[in-house]
Protein backbone atom coordinates (compact mmCIF):
# COMPACT_ATOMS: atom_id res chain seq x y z
CA MET A 1 10.10 180.80 148.97
CA ALA A 2 9.66 184.56 149.00
CA LYS A 3 12.18 186.63 147.02
CA LEU A 4 14.75 188.17 149.35
CA SER A 5 16.02 191.74 148.91
CA LYS A 6 18.43 194.12 150.59
CA GLY A 7 16.79 195.55 153.73
CA ASP A 8 14.47 192.57 154.30
CA HIS A 9 14.06 191.41 157.90
CA VAL A 10 14.84 187.69 157.99
CA GLN A 11 15.13 184.85 160.50
CA TRP A 12 17.48 181.86 160.58
CA ARG A 13 18.34 179.04 162.94
CA THR A 14 21.49 178.84 165.05
CA SER A 15 22.65 176.30 167.61
CA GLN A 16 21.30 178.69 170.28
CA GLY A 17 17.87 178.90 168.60
CA PRO A 18 16.26 181.20 166.06
CA THR A 19 17.72 184.65 165.48
CA SER A 20 16.87 187.53 163.18
CA GLY A 21 18.47 190.40 161.33
CA ARG A 22 18.43 192.49 158.16
CA ILE A 23 19.95 191.73 154.79
CA GLU A 24 22.73 194.27 154.14
CA ARG A 25 24.19 192.94 150.89
CA ILE A 26 23.61 190.28 148.27
CA VAL A 27 26.87 188.81 146.92
CA GLU A 28 27.14 187.00 143.59
CA GLY A 29 30.93 186.66 143.78
CA THR A 30 33.53 186.03 146.47
CA THR A 31 33.65 187.91 149.78
CA THR A 32 34.98 187.50 153.30
CA VAL A 33 32.79 187.90 156.37
CA GLY A 34 34.19 187.46 159.87
CA GLY A 35 37.31 185.81 158.49
CA THR A 36 35.33 183.24 156.47
CA LYS A 37 35.62 183.28 152.67
CA LEU A 38 32.22 182.89 150.99
CA LYS A 39 31.43 182.30 147.33
CA GLY A 40 28.09 183.14 145.80
CA SER A 41 26.84 183.09 142.23
CA LYS A 42 24.03 184.60 140.19
CA ASP A 43 22.00 181.39 140.65
CA GLU A 44 22.89 180.98 144.33
CA PRO A 45 23.86 184.32 145.92
CA ILE A 46 25.12 184.78 149.47
CA TYR A 47 23.03 187.07 151.69
CA ILE A 48 25.05 189.11 154.19
CA VAL A 49 22.86 189.70 157.24
CA LYS A 50 23.44 191.76 160.37
CA SER A 51 22.10 190.19 163.55
CA ASP A 52 19.53 192.27 165.46
CA LYS A 53 20.84 190.94 168.77
CA THR A 54 24.64 191.04 168.39
CA GLY A 55 25.23 193.34 165.42
CA LYS A 56 27.58 190.75 163.91
CA ARG A 57 27.48 189.96 160.19
CA ALA A 58 27.18 186.52 158.65
CA GLY A 59 26.64 185.09 155.18
CA HIS A 60 23.78 182.71 154.41
CA LYS A 61 22.28 181.06 151.36
CA ALA A 62 18.62 181.72 150.61
CA ASP A 63 17.44 178.31 151.82
CA ALA A 64 18.72 179.11 155.35
CA LEU A 65 16.71 182.35 155.60
CA ARG A 66 13.02 182.95 156.15
CA LYS A 67 11.46 186.36 155.55
CA LYS A 68 9.80 187.72 158.70
CA SER A 69 6.38 189.30 158.40
CA SER A 70 6.24 192.95 159.39
């Protein structure tokens, strides 16, 4: 898997199909996004992404994200 960084354009799957967005933050501790408490670590950080379509933010682990080619 490609290394993910802040600003990367990524894609992930939802129940409505694939969607894409940009990584805004990488969290190695605890945070809350959209009312959901998320816990990341140095070995397994949480990537906070902003959806291109809706502008909403969500947290994902690296294995749920795929880097989009430019």
